[in-house]
C-alpha cells in the first residue's frame, strides 16, 4: 500500500520539535536553533531534510555521537578567518555559531570564512548562506558527509553528497542556490525507502558499480560500506558530465575537511561514536566592489530578464534558484507541513522518549 501523507500545523510542529530537543538536554536557545534549521527544509517543501530526519538525530543523540554538553573552541583565528573544533556538538548549533562569526568578520573587514571540524550533520546548507544574505551579505556554506558518492569510473564511495549553497540579496526575493553535488542526497533515498519506491536509473549504483533501482539495497550498502553509492551530479562516466559533479564534491572536501584540518568523507563515521564531519561558512560584503544598492539592482534586473526570457514549448515559467522554496513557505504556513505516516510514527516514539508527547500535533486531514 502506498505511503499515506497528512498535514500538521506548522506552529504546533515547531513547538513539538523544540520541546523534543529540550527533552534530550539542549537548552531553549539551542533547541530553537536546531528546530529552525530542521523546519527550514519543511517550510521549503524539501521533505528529505525536514522532520523526517528527526529519527536520525534521535539515534545520534541517544547513541552518544552528538555530545549535548560539548564545548566548541576556536583553535585558529585571523581577522578574516577561523577554525572551530566542534568537539562533536550538534551540527546546527555549530553551523549557526560559525556563520555568525563569518558574518561578524565580513561586517568588520569585508570578508569572513570559518571552517569547522568534528561536527555533526547540520541540516540544509542553504539555511546558513541565507543567514548572511539576510544581513546584506553574500553567503556560502558547504559540508562534507559520509562517503556516499562514487567518483567517476569508480565503484567505491569516496566523497559525500557535499552540498554547496550560495545566497545574495535581490528583489523581489533573494537569490538562493543550494544543491548536493550528487545526483540526489541520501535523504532522497531514505524517502524512497519509506515510500517503497524504486530508484530511477542513473541515480545510484550497487556494490559492483552497476546501475541500481533498488533504493533499500543502495542505502544498506552505503550504511554497511560494502560498495556502490550515489552517482555524482551528471551521472556515470563522462558523457553526461558526471566528472563535473565529482569535481564540485572535491572542491567541497577541500574547503571543509582540508582547510579545517578535519576528516575527509571516506573517514566519516569510521571512528566509533563520532561523526567527524567538516563544514565551511563564508560571508562577503559586496560593498567592497561598489555601491551595494546598485549591485543588488543589477542582479535583480538580470534575474528578471532570465525569468522573462523565452520559454520552452509547453512551459509557462522559468524559476530562479530558491524561488520555488520561497513560494512554498506561504503554502506550508497556510496548509500545514506534509508528513508521511512512517515519519509520524517515528515522531510519536521520539515524543515518548523526550517527554514531548503532549506537544505532538494532530493531523489536520
Foldseek 3Di string as FASTA:
>chain_A
DFFDKFFFAPVLVLVLQLLLVVLLPADNVVSNQLSVQQCLCLLLVNVLQHLLCVLVVVCLSVQQQADRPWDKDWPDDDLAETFIERRRHEQRVVLVVQLVSQLVSCVVPFKHKYKYWQYDDHTFQQVSQVVQQVVQWKKKKWKWFAFFEAAAPGWAGFTALIKIWIWHDAPPGIFIAIGGQFLHHLSVLVVCVVRVFFQDWQFWAAQVRHTGRHSVRQNVCSVVRSTIHTFGRQGHHPPSHSNVSVVSRVVSQCQWCVVNVWDGNNCAPVPPSTRGMMMMMMIGNCCVVPDSVVVNHVVNVVLVCVFPDDDDPPDDTDDGHPPSSVVSNVVCNVRGGMDTPVSLVSSCVSCVSSVSNVSRTDGPD
